[in-house]
Amino acid sequence: TFWSLLGGTILIAGALLLLLDVLLPQSD
């Protein structure tokens, strides 16, 4: 369960980073 939740957290972080890259491209 820990590893599954960690995988989900990584996906959420990745999605947020992609969103930030689109909304705020100068943030790199």
mmCIF file of all heavy atoms, coordinates in Angstrom:
data_MODEL
# 
_entry.id   MODEL 
# 
loop_
_atom_site.group_PDB 
_atom_site.id 
_atom_site.type_symbol 
_atom_site.label_atom_id 
_atom_site.label_alt_id 
_atom_site.label_comp_id 
_atom_site.label_asym_id 
_atom_site.label_entity_id 
_atom_site.label_seq_id 
_atom_site.pdbx_PDB_ins_code 
_atom_site.Cartn_x 
_atom_site.Cartn_y 
_atom_site.Cartn_z 
_atom_site.occupancy 
_atom_site.B_iso_or_equiv 
_atom_site.pdbx_formal_charge 
_atom_site.auth_seq_id 
_atom_site.auth_comp_id 
_atom_site.auth_asym_id 
_atom_site.auth_atom_id 
_atom_site.pdbx_PDB_model_num 
ATOM 1   N N   . THR A 1 1  ? 0.837  -1.196 0.000   1.00 0.00 ? 1  THR A N   1 
ATOM 2   C CA  . THR A 1 1  ? 0.000  0.000  0.000   1.00 0.00 ? 1  THR A CA  1 
ATOM 3   C C   . THR A 1 1  ? 0.877  1.253  0.000   1.00 0.00 ? 1  THR A C   1 
ATOM 4   O O   . THR A 1 1  ? 0.593  2.219  -0.717  1.00 0.00 ? 1  THR A O   1 
ATOM 5   C CB  . THR A 1 1  ? -0.940 0.006  1.220   1.00 0.00 ? 1  THR A CB  1 
ATOM 6   O OG1 . THR A 1 1  ? -1.735 -1.176 1.186   1.00 0.00 ? 1  THR A OG1 1 
ATOM 7   C CG2 . THR A 1 1  ? -1.825 1.225  1.230   1.00 0.00 ? 1  THR A CG2 1 
ATOM 8   N N   . PHE A 1 2  ? 1.937  1.230  0.813   1.00 0.00 ? 2  PHE A N   1 
ATOM 9   C CA  . PHE A 1 2  ? 2.852  2.372  0.845   1.00 0.00 ? 2  PHE A CA  1 
ATOM 10  C C   . PHE A 1 2  ? 3.398  2.662  -0.545  1.00 0.00 ? 2  PHE A C   1 
ATOM 11  O O   . PHE A 1 2  ? 3.386  3.809  -1.005  1.00 0.00 ? 2  PHE A O   1 
ATOM 12  C CB  . PHE A 1 2  ? 4.014  2.121  1.820   1.00 0.00 ? 2  PHE A CB  1 
ATOM 13  C CG  . PHE A 1 2  ? 5.148  3.095  1.637   1.00 0.00 ? 2  PHE A CG  1 
ATOM 14  C CD1 . PHE A 1 2  ? 5.037  4.396  2.096   1.00 0.00 ? 2  PHE A CD1 1 
ATOM 15  C CD2 . PHE A 1 2  ? 6.307  2.724  0.967   1.00 0.00 ? 2  PHE A CD2 1 
ATOM 16  C CE1 . PHE A 1 2  ? 6.070  5.308  1.906   1.00 0.00 ? 2  PHE A CE1 1 
ATOM 17  C CE2 . PHE A 1 2  ? 7.344  3.625  0.766   1.00 0.00 ? 2  PHE A CE2 1 
ATOM 18  C CZ  . PHE A 1 2  ? 7.225  4.914  1.241   1.00 0.00 ? 2  PHE A CZ  1 
ATOM 19  N N   . TRP A 1 3  ? 3.892  1.630  -1.226  1.00 0.00 ? 3  TRP A N   1 
ATOM 20  C CA  . TRP A 1 3  ? 4.473  1.828  -2.554  1.00 0.00 ? 3  TRP A CA  1 
ATOM 21  C C   . TRP A 1 3  ? 3.428  2.299  -3.559  1.00 0.00 ? 3  TRP A C   1 
ATOM 22  O O   . TRP A 1 3  ? 3.717  3.111  -4.431  1.00 0.00 ? 3  TRP A O   1 
ATOM 23  C CB  . TRP A 1 3  ? 5.190  0.560  -3.029  1.00 0.00 ? 3  TRP A CB  1 
ATOM 24  C CG  . TRP A 1 3  ? 6.486  0.371  -2.308  1.00 0.00 ? 3  TRP A CG  1 
ATOM 25  C CD1 . TRP A 1 3  ? 6.748  -0.510 -1.294  1.00 0.00 ? 3  TRP A CD1 1 
ATOM 26  C CD2 . TRP A 1 3  ? 7.704  1.098  -2.514  1.00 0.00 ? 3  TRP A CD2 1 
ATOM 27  N NE1 . TRP A 1 3  ? 8.043  -0.367 -0.868  1.00 0.00 ? 3  TRP A NE1 1 
ATOM 28  C CE2 . TRP A 1 3  ? 8.663  0.608  -1.597  1.00 0.00 ? 3  TRP A CE2 1 
ATOM 29  C CE3 . TRP A 1 3  ? 8.078  2.114  -3.375  1.00 0.00 ? 3  TRP A CE3 1 
ATOM 30  C CZ2 . TRP A 1 3  ? 9.955  1.106  -1.529  1.00 0.00 ? 3  TRP A CZ2 1 
ATOM 31  C CZ3 . TRP A 1 3  ? 9.375  2.599  -3.310  1.00 0.00 ? 3  TRP A CZ3 1 
ATOM 32  C CH2 . TRP A 1 3  ? 10.298 2.096  -2.403  1.00 0.00 ? 3  TRP A CH2 1 
ATOM 33  N N   . SER A 1 4  ? 2.206  1.800  -3.442  1.00 0.00 ? 4  SER A N   1 
ATOM 34  C CA  . SER A 1 4  ? 1.132  2.253  -4.342  1.00 0.00 ? 4  SER A CA  1 
ATOM 35  C C   . SER A 1 4  ? 0.818  3.729  -4.111  1.00 0.00 ? 4  SER A C   1 
ATOM 36  O O   . SER A 1 4  ? 0.672  4.505  -5.064  1.00 0.00 ? 4  SER A O   1 
ATOM 37  C CB  . SER A 1 4  ? -0.127 1.426  -4.119  1.00 0.00 ? 4  SER A CB  1 
ATOM 38  O OG  . SER A 1 4  ? 0.092  0.089  -4.454  1.00 0.00 ? 4  SER A OG  1 
ATOM 39  N N   . LEU A 1 5  ? 0.702  4.108  -2.841  1.00 0.00 ? 5  LEU A N   1 
ATOM 40  C CA  . LEU A 1 5  ? 0.429  5.511  -2.520  1.00 0.00 ? 5  LEU A CA  1 
ATOM 41  C C   . LEU A 1 5  ? 1.582  6.419  -2.943  1.00 0.00 ? 5  LEU A C   1 
ATOM 42  O O   . LEU A 1 5  ? 1.364  7.534  -3.419  1.00 0.00 ? 5  LEU A O   1 
ATOM 43  C CB  . LEU A 1 5  ? 0.158  5.669  -1.021  1.00 0.00 ? 5  LEU A CB  1 
ATOM 44  C CG  . LEU A 1 5  ? -1.147 5.066  -0.508  1.00 0.00 ? 5  LEU A CG  1 
ATOM 45  C CD1 . LEU A 1 5  ? -1.201 5.124  1.009   1.00 0.00 ? 5  LEU A CD1 1 
ATOM 46  C CD2 . LEU A 1 5  ? -2.338 5.765  -1.122  1.00 0.00 ? 5  LEU A CD2 1 
ATOM 47  N N   . LEU A 1 6  ? 2.803  5.939  -2.784  1.00 0.00 ? 6  LEU A N   1 
ATOM 48  C CA  . LEU A 1 6  ? 3.962  6.716  -3.210  1.00 0.00 ? 6  LEU A CA  1 
ATOM 49  C C   . LEU A 1 6  ? 3.945  6.916  -4.728  1.00 0.00 ? 6  LEU A C   1 
ATOM 50  O O   . LEU A 1 6  ? 4.202  8.026  -5.221  1.00 0.00 ? 6  LEU A O   1 
ATOM 51  C CB  . LEU A 1 6  ? 5.262  6.041  -2.773  1.00 0.00 ? 6  LEU A CB  1 
ATOM 52  C CG  . LEU A 1 6  ? 6.556  6.777  -3.144  1.00 0.00 ? 6  LEU A CG  1 
ATOM 53  C CD1 . LEU A 1 6  ? 6.598  8.161  -2.506  1.00 0.00 ? 6  LEU A CD1 1 
ATOM 54  C CD2 . LEU A 1 6  ? 7.767  5.953  -2.726  1.00 0.00 ? 6  LEU A CD2 1 
ATOM 55  N N   . GLY A 1 7  ? 3.600  5.874  -5.463  1.00 0.00 ? 7  GLY A N   1 
ATOM 56  C CA  . GLY A 1 7  ? 3.475  5.994  -6.908  1.00 0.00 ? 7  GLY A CA  1 
ATOM 57  C C   . GLY A 1 7  ? 2.425  7.025  -7.294  1.00 0.00 ? 7  GLY A C   1 
ATOM 58  O O   . GLY A 1 7  ? 2.634  7.836  -8.204  1.00 0.00 ? 7  GLY A O   1 
ATOM 59  N N   . GLY A 1 8  ? 1.300  7.011  -6.604  1.00 0.00 ? 8  GLY A N   1 
ATOM 60  C CA  . GLY A 1 8  ? 0.252  8.004  -6.852  1.00 0.00 ? 8  GLY A CA  1 
ATOM 61  C C   . GLY A 1 8  ? 0.712  9.417  -6.535  1.00 0.00 ? 8  GLY A C   1 
ATOM 62  O O   . GLY A 1 8  ? 0.406  10.363 -7.270  1.00 0.00 ? 8  GLY A O   1 
ATOM 63  N N   . THR A 1 9  ? 1.475  9.552  -5.470  1.00 0.00 ? 9  THR A N   1 
ATOM 64  C CA  . THR A 1 9  ? 2.006  10.858 -5.097  1.00 0.00 ? 9  THR A CA  1 
ATOM 65  C C   . THR A 1 9  ? 2.975  11.371 -6.155  1.00 0.00 ? 9  THR A C   1 
ATOM 66  O O   . THR A 1 9  ? 2.968  12.559 -6.503  1.00 0.00 ? 9  THR A O   1 
ATOM 67  C CB  . THR A 1 9  ? 2.696  10.783 -3.718  1.00 0.00 ? 9  THR A CB  1 
ATOM 68  O OG1 . THR A 1 9  ? 1.754  10.286 -2.757  1.00 0.00 ? 9  THR A OG1 1 
ATOM 69  C CG2 . THR A 1 9  ? 3.199  12.135 -3.272  1.00 0.00 ? 9  THR A CG2 1 
ATOM 70  N N   . ILE A 1 10 ? 3.795  10.478 -6.688  1.00 0.00 ? 10 ILE A N   1 
ATOM 71  C CA  . ILE A 1 10 ? 4.726  10.857 -7.752  1.00 0.00 ? 10 ILE A CA  1 
ATOM 72  C C   . ILE A 1 10 ? 3.949  11.318 -8.989  1.00 0.00 ? 10 ILE A C   1 
ATOM 73  O O   . ILE A 1 10 ? 4.309  12.318 -9.630  1.00 0.00 ? 10 ILE A O   1 
ATOM 74  C CB  . ILE A 1 10 ? 5.684  9.690  -8.085  1.00 0.00 ? 10 ILE A CB  1 
ATOM 75  C CG1 . ILE A 1 10 ? 6.611  9.417  -6.902  1.00 0.00 ? 10 ILE A CG1 1 
ATOM 76  C CG2 . ILE A 1 10 ? 6.473  9.972  -9.357  1.00 0.00 ? 10 ILE A CG2 1 
ATOM 77  C CD1 . ILE A 1 10 ? 7.392  8.119  -7.008  1.00 0.00 ? 10 ILE A CD1 1 
ATOM 78  N N   . LEU A 1 11 ? 2.873  10.613 -9.326  1.00 0.00 ? 11 LEU A N   1 
ATOM 79  C CA  . LEU A 1 11 ? 2.046  11.011 -10.475 1.00 0.00 ? 11 LEU A CA  1 
ATOM 80  C C   . LEU A 1 11 ? 1.404  12.381 -10.251 1.00 0.00 ? 11 LEU A C   1 
ATOM 81  O O   . LEU A 1 11 ? 1.352  13.213 -11.173 1.00 0.00 ? 11 LEU A O   1 
ATOM 82  C CB  . LEU A 1 11 ? 0.977  9.961  -10.754 1.00 0.00 ? 11 LEU A CB  1 
ATOM 83  C CG  . LEU A 1 11 ? 1.478  8.639  -11.324 1.00 0.00 ? 11 LEU A CG  1 
ATOM 84  C CD1 . LEU A 1 11 ? 0.326  7.638  -11.435 1.00 0.00 ? 11 LEU A CD1 1 
ATOM 85  C CD2 . LEU A 1 11 ? 2.137  8.847  -12.677 1.00 0.00 ? 11 LEU A CD2 1 
ATOM 86  N N   . ILE A 1 12 ? 0.919  12.617 -9.040  1.00 0.00 ? 12 ILE A N   1 
ATOM 87  C CA  . ILE A 1 12 ? 0.315  13.920 -8.719  1.00 0.00 ? 12 ILE A CA  1 
ATOM 88  C C   . ILE A 1 12 ? 1.359  15.027 -8.831  1.00 0.00 ? 12 ILE A C   1 
ATOM 89  O O   . ILE A 1 12 ? 1.098  16.084 -9.411  1.00 0.00 ? 12 ILE A O   1 
ATOM 90  C CB  . ILE A 1 12 ? -0.319 13.894 -7.308  1.00 0.00 ? 12 ILE A CB  1 
ATOM 91  C CG1 . ILE A 1 12 ? -1.563 12.991 -7.313  1.00 0.00 ? 12 ILE A CG1 1 
ATOM 92  C CG2 . ILE A 1 12 ? -0.658 15.303 -6.827  1.00 0.00 ? 12 ILE A CG2 1 
ATOM 93  C CD1 . ILE A 1 12 ? -2.112 12.684 -5.936  1.00 0.00 ? 12 ILE A CD1 1 
ATOM 94  N N   . ALA A 1 13 ? 2.549  14.774 -8.299  1.00 0.00 ? 13 ALA A N   1 
ATOM 95  C CA  . ALA A 1 13 ? 3.625  15.772 -8.379  1.00 0.00 ? 13 ALA A CA  1 
ATOM 96  C C   . ALA A 1 13 ? 3.990  16.041 -9.833  1.00 0.00 ? 13 ALA A C   1 
ATOM 97  O O   . ALA A 1 13 ? 4.167  17.204 -10.230 1.00 0.00 ? 13 ALA A O   1 
ATOM 98  C CB  . ALA A 1 13 ? 4.846  15.303 -7.591  1.00 0.00 ? 13 ALA A CB  1 
ATOM 99  N N   . GLY A 1 14 ? 4.086  14.991 -10.630 1.00 0.00 ? 14 GLY A N   1 
ATOM 100 C CA  . GLY A 1 14 ? 4.407  15.158 -12.045 1.00 0.00 ? 14 GLY A CA  1 
ATOM 101 C C   . GLY A 1 14 ? 3.356  15.954 -12.782 1.00 0.00 ? 14 GLY A C   1 
ATOM 102 O O   . GLY A 1 14 ? 3.677  16.831 -13.594 1.00 0.00 ? 14 GLY A O   1 
ATOM 103 N N   . ALA A 1 15 ? 2.087  15.658 -12.505 1.00 0.00 ? 15 ALA A N   1 
ATOM 104 C CA  . ALA A 1 15 ? 0.997  16.394 -13.151 1.00 0.00 ? 15 ALA A CA  1 
ATOM 105 C C   . ALA A 1 15 ? 1.021  17.864 -12.754 1.00 0.00 ? 15 ALA A C   1 
ATOM 106 O O   . ALA A 1 15 ? 0.826  18.750 -13.594 1.00 0.00 ? 15 ALA A O   1 
ATOM 107 C CB  . ALA A 1 15 ? -0.343 15.761 -12.785 1.00 0.00 ? 15 ALA A CB  1 
ATOM 108 N N   . LEU A 1 16 ? 1.289  18.139 -11.491 1.00 0.00 ? 16 LEU A N   1 
ATOM 109 C CA  . LEU A 1 16 ? 1.363  19.529 -11.038 1.00 0.00 ? 16 LEU A CA  1 
ATOM 110 C C   . LEU A 1 16 ? 2.539  20.258 -11.689 1.00 0.00 ? 16 LEU A C   1 
ATOM 111 O O   . LEU A 1 16 ? 2.415  21.412 -12.086 1.00 0.00 ? 16 LEU A O   1 
ATOM 112 C CB  . LEU A 1 16 ? 1.477  19.595 -9.514  1.00 0.00 ? 16 LEU A CB  1 
ATOM 113 C CG  . LEU A 1 16 ? 1.539  21.004 -8.922  1.00 0.00 ? 16 LEU A CG  1 
ATOM 114 C CD1 . LEU A 1 16 ? 0.280  21.787 -9.253  1.00 0.00 ? 16 LEU A CD1 1 
ATOM 115 C CD2 . LEU A 1 16 ? 1.750  20.936 -7.427  1.00 0.00 ? 16 LEU A CD2 1 
ATOM 116 N N   . LEU A 1 17 ? 3.663  19.565 -11.829 1.00 0.00 ? 17 LEU A N   1 
ATOM 117 C CA  . LEU A 1 17 ? 4.819  20.186 -12.487 1.00 0.00 ? 17 LEU A CA  1 
ATOM 118 C C   . LEU A 1 17 ? 4.519  20.502 -13.949 1.00 0.00 ? 17 LEU A C   1 
ATOM 119 O O   . LEU A 1 17 ? 4.901  21.566 -14.443 1.00 0.00 ? 17 LEU A O   1 
ATOM 120 C CB  . LEU A 1 17 ? 6.048  19.285 -12.368 1.00 0.00 ? 17 LEU A CB  1 
ATOM 121 C CG  . LEU A 1 17 ? 6.662  19.177 -10.980 1.00 0.00 ? 17 LEU A CG  1 
ATOM 122 C CD1 . LEU A 1 17 ? 7.792  18.160 -10.974 1.00 0.00 ? 17 LEU A CD1 1 
ATOM 123 C CD2 . LEU A 1 17 ? 7.135  20.526 -10.467 1.00 0.00 ? 17 LEU A CD2 1 
ATOM 124 N N   . LEU A 1 18 ? 3.834  19.583 -14.623 1.00 0.00 ? 18 LEU A N   1 
ATOM 125 C CA  . LEU A 1 18 ? 3.449  19.849 -16.012 1.00 0.00 ? 18 LEU A CA  1 
ATOM 126 C C   . LEU A 1 18 ? 2.502  21.042 -16.106 1.00 0.00 ? 18 LEU A C   1 
ATOM 127 O O   . LEU A 1 18 ? 2.626  21.883 -16.997 1.00 0.00 ? 18 LEU A O   1 
ATOM 128 C CB  . LEU A 1 18 ? 2.816  18.612 -16.638 1.00 0.00 ? 18 LEU A CB  1 
ATOM 129 C CG  . LEU A 1 18 ? 3.761  17.447 -16.933 1.00 0.00 ? 18 LEU A CG  1 
ATOM 130 C CD1 . LEU A 1 18 ? 2.974  16.221 -17.393 1.00 0.00 ? 18 LEU A CD1 1 
ATOM 131 C CD2 . LEU A 1 18 ? 4.792  17.850 -17.973 1.00 0.00 ? 18 LEU A CD2 1 
ATOM 132 N N   . LEU A 1 19 ? 1.560  21.120 -15.179 1.00 0.00 ? 19 LEU A N   1 
ATOM 133 C CA  . LEU A 1 19 ? 0.624  22.236 -15.146 1.00 0.00 ? 19 LEU A CA  1 
ATOM 134 C C   . LEU A 1 19 ? 1.367  23.556 -14.884 1.00 0.00 ? 19 LEU A C   1 
ATOM 135 O O   . LEU A 1 19 ? 1.107  24.562 -15.549 1.00 0.00 ? 19 LEU A O   1 
ATOM 136 C CB  . LEU A 1 19 ? -0.446 22.002 -14.073 1.00 0.00 ? 19 LEU A CB  1 
ATOM 137 C CG  . LEU A 1 19 ? -1.510 23.082 -13.925 1.00 0.00 ? 19 LEU A CG  1 
ATOM 138 C CD1 . LEU A 1 19 ? -2.347 23.169 -15.202 1.00 0.00 ? 19 LEU A CD1 1 
ATOM 139 C CD2 . LEU A 1 19 ? -2.392 22.785 -12.726 1.00 0.00 ? 19 LEU A CD2 1 
ATOM 140 N N   . LEU A 1 20 ? 2.288  23.537 -13.939 1.00 0.00 ? 20 LEU A N   1 
ATOM 141 C CA  . LEU A 1 20 ? 3.077  24.741 -13.654 1.00 0.00 ? 20 LEU A CA  1 
ATOM 142 C C   . LEU A 1 20 ? 3.925  25.150 -14.859 1.00 0.00 ? 20 LEU A C   1 
ATOM 143 O O   . LEU A 1 20 ? 4.116  26.335 -15.117 1.00 0.00 ? 20 LEU A O   1 
ATOM 144 C CB  . LEU A 1 20 ? 3.986  24.520 -12.439 1.00 0.00 ? 20 LEU A CB  1 
ATOM 145 C CG  . LEU A 1 20 ? 3.341  24.624 -11.074 1.00 0.00 ? 20 LEU A CG  1 
ATOM 146 C CD1 . LEU A 1 20 ? 4.311  24.196 -9.988  1.00 0.00 ? 20 LEU A CD1 1 
ATOM 147 C CD2 . LEU A 1 20 ? 2.835  26.033 -10.823 1.00 0.00 ? 20 LEU A CD2 1 
ATOM 148 N N   . ASP A 1 21 ? 4.418  24.155 -15.594 1.00 0.00 ? 21 ASP A N   1 
ATOM 149 C CA  . ASP A 1 21 ? 5.241  24.449 -16.766 1.00 0.00 ? 21 ASP A CA  1 
ATOM 150 C C   . ASP A 1 21 ? 4.415  25.157 -17.848 1.00 0.00 ? 21 ASP A C   1 
ATOM 151 O O   . ASP A 1 21 ? 4.928  26.025 -18.552 1.00 0.00 ? 21 ASP A O   1 
ATOM 152 C CB  . ASP A 1 21 ? 5.855  23.162 -17.319 1.00 0.00 ? 21 ASP A CB  1 
ATOM 153 C CG  . ASP A 1 21 ? 7.006  23.422 -18.260 1.00 0.00 ? 21 ASP A CG  1 
ATOM 154 O OD1 . ASP A 1 21 ? 7.876  24.247 -17.905 1.00 0.00 ? 21 ASP A OD1 1 
ATOM 155 O OD2 . ASP A 1 21 ? 7.047  22.809 -19.336 1.00 0.00 ? 21 ASP A OD2 1 
ATOM 156 N N   . VAL A 1 22 ? 3.143  24.792 -17.940 1.00 0.00 ? 22 VAL A N   1 
ATOM 157 C CA  . VAL A 1 22 ? 2.262  25.430 -18.924 1.00 0.00 ? 22 VAL A CA  1 
ATOM 158 C C   . VAL A 1 22 ? 1.822  26.813 -18.438 1.00 0.00 ? 22 VAL A C   1 
ATOM 159 O O   . VAL A 1 22 ? 1.865  27.786 -19.184 1.00 0.00 ? 22 VAL A O   1 
ATOM 160 C CB  . VAL A 1 22 ? 1.019  24.542 -19.193 1.00 0.00 ? 22 VAL A CB  1 
ATOM 161 C CG1 . VAL A 1 22 ? -0.021 25.280 -20.001 1.00 0.00 ? 22 VAL A CG1 1 
ATOM 162 C CG2 . VAL A 1 22 ? 1.436  23.258 -19.877 1.00 0.00 ? 22 VAL A CG2 1 
ATOM 163 N N   . LEU A 1 23 ? 1.420  26.906 -17.168 1.00 0.00 ? 23 LEU A N   1 
ATOM 164 C CA  . LEU A 1 23 ? 0.901  28.165 -16.633 1.00 0.00 ? 23 LEU A CA  1 
ATOM 165 C C   . LEU A 1 23 ? 1.991  29.190 -16.348 1.00 0.00 ? 23 LEU A C   1 
ATOM 166 O O   . LEU A 1 23 ? 1.745  30.400 -16.404 1.00 0.00 ? 23 LEU A O   1 
ATOM 167 C CB  . LEU A 1 23 ? 0.114  27.900 -15.347 1.00 0.00 ? 23 LEU A CB  1 
ATOM 168 C CG  . LEU A 1 23 ? -1.138 27.050 -15.484 1.00 0.00 ? 23 LEU A CG  1 
ATOM 169 C CD1 . LEU A 1 23 ? -1.764 26.793 -14.127 1.00 0.00 ? 23 LEU A CD1 1 
ATOM 170 C CD2 . LEU A 1 23 ? -2.137 27.712 -16.429 1.00 0.00 ? 23 LEU A CD2 1 
ATOM 171 N N   . LEU A 1 24 ? 3.180  28.705 -16.004 1.00 0.00 ? 24 LEU A N   1 
ATOM 172 C CA  . LEU A 1 24 ? 4.270  29.587 -15.605 1.00 0.00 ? 24 LEU A CA  1 
ATOM 173 C C   . LEU A 1 24 ? 5.578  29.110 -16.233 1.00 0.00 ? 24 LEU A C   1 
ATOM 174 O O   . LEU A 1 24 ? 6.465  28.609 -15.548 1.00 0.00 ? 24 LEU A O   1 
ATOM 175 C CB  . LEU A 1 24 ? 4.358  29.564 -14.069 1.00 0.00 ? 24 LEU A CB  1 
ATOM 176 C CG  . LEU A 1 24 ? 5.039  30.695 -13.346 1.00 0.00 ? 24 LEU A CG  1 
ATOM 177 C CD1 . LEU A 1 24 ? 4.367  32.027 -13.646 1.00 0.00 ? 24 LEU A CD1 1 
ATOM 178 C CD2 . LEU A 1 24 ? 5.037  30.431 -11.857 1.00 0.00 ? 24 LEU A CD2 1 
ATOM 179 N N   . PRO A 1 25 ? 5.683  29.247 -17.557 1.00 0.00 ? 25 PRO A N   1 
ATOM 180 C CA  . PRO A 1 25 ? 6.841  28.668 -18.261 1.00 0.00 ? 25 PRO A CA  1 
ATOM 181 C C   . PRO A 1 25 ? 8.191  29.198 -17.783 1.00 0.00 ? 25 PRO A C   1 
ATOM 182 O O   . PRO A 1 25 ? 9.188  28.483 -17.817 1.00 0.00 ? 25 PRO A O   1 
ATOM 183 C CB  . PRO A 1 25 ? 6.605  29.021 -19.727 1.00 0.00 ? 25 PRO A CB  1 
ATOM 184 C CG  . PRO A 1 25 ? 5.479  29.963 -19.764 1.00 0.00 ? 25 PRO A CG  1 
ATOM 185 C CD  . PRO A 1 25 ? 4.781  29.937 -18.453 1.00 0.00 ? 25 PRO A CD  1 
ATOM 186 N N   . GLN A 1 26 ? 8.243  30.438 -17.297 1.00 0.00 ? 26 GLN A N   1 
ATOM 187 C CA  . GLN A 1 26 ? 9.507  30.973 -16.832 1.00 0.00 ? 26 GLN A CA  1 
ATOM 188 C C   . GLN A 1 26 ? 9.983  30.328 -15.528 1.00 0.00 ? 26 GLN A C   1 
ATOM 189 O O   . GLN A 1 26 ? 11.135 30.509 -15.140 1.00 0.00 ? 26 GLN A O   1 
ATOM 190 C CB  . GLN A 1 26 ? 9.484  32.497 -16.720 1.00 0.00 ? 26 GLN A CB  1 
ATOM 191 C CG  . GLN A 1 26 ? 8.412  33.145 -15.906 1.00 0.00 ? 26 GLN A CG  1 
ATOM 192 C CD  . GLN A 1 26 ? 7.070  33.307 -16.591 1.00 0.00 ? 26 GLN A CD  1 
ATOM 193 O OE1 . GLN A 1 26 ? 6.596  32.424 -17.301 1.00 0.00 ? 26 GLN A OE1 1 
ATOM 194 N NE2 . GLN A 1 26 ? 6.416  34.404 -16.355 1.00 0.00 ? 26 GLN A NE2 1 
ATOM 195 N N   . SER A 1 27 ? 9.139  29.528 -14.878 1.00 0.00 ? 27 SER A N   1 
ATOM 196 C CA  . SER A 1 27 ? 9.541  28.835 -13.648 1.00 0.00 ? 27 SER A CA  1 
ATOM 197 C C   . SER A 1 27 ? 10.405 27.614 -13.950 1.00 0.00 ? 27 SER A C   1 
ATOM 198 O O   . SER A 1 27 ? 11.033 27.073 -13.056 1.00 0.00 ? 27 SER A O   1 
ATOM 199 C CB  . SER A 1 27 ? 8.313  28.404 -12.852 1.00 0.00 ? 27 SER A CB  1 
ATOM 200 O OG  . SER A 1 27 ? 7.666  27.309 -13.496 1.00 0.00 ? 27 SER A OG  1 
ATOM 201 N N   . ASP A 1 28 ? 10.394 27.178 -15.215 1.00 0.00 ? 28 ASP A N   1 
ATOM 202 C CA  . ASP A 1 28 ? 11.166 26.002 -15.622 1.00 0.00 ? 28 ASP A CA  1 
ATOM 203 C C   . ASP A 1 28 ? 10.797 24.802 -14.733 1.00 0.00 ? 28 ASP A C   1 
ATOM 204 O O   . ASP A 1 28 ? 11.656 24.111 -14.188 1.00 0.00 ? 28 ASP A O   1 
ATOM 205 C CB  . ASP A 1 28 ? 12.664 26.299 -15.549 1.00 0.00 ? 28 ASP A CB  1 
ATOM 206 C CG  . ASP A 1 28 ? 13.465 25.417 -16.485 1.00 0.00 ? 28 ASP A CG  1 
ATOM 207 O OD1 . ASP A 1 28 ? 12.853 24.822 -17.393 1.00 0.00 ? 28 ASP A OD1 1 
ATOM 208 O OD2 . ASP A 1 28 ? 14.691 25.311 -16.300 1.00 0.00 ? 28 ASP A OD2 1 
# 
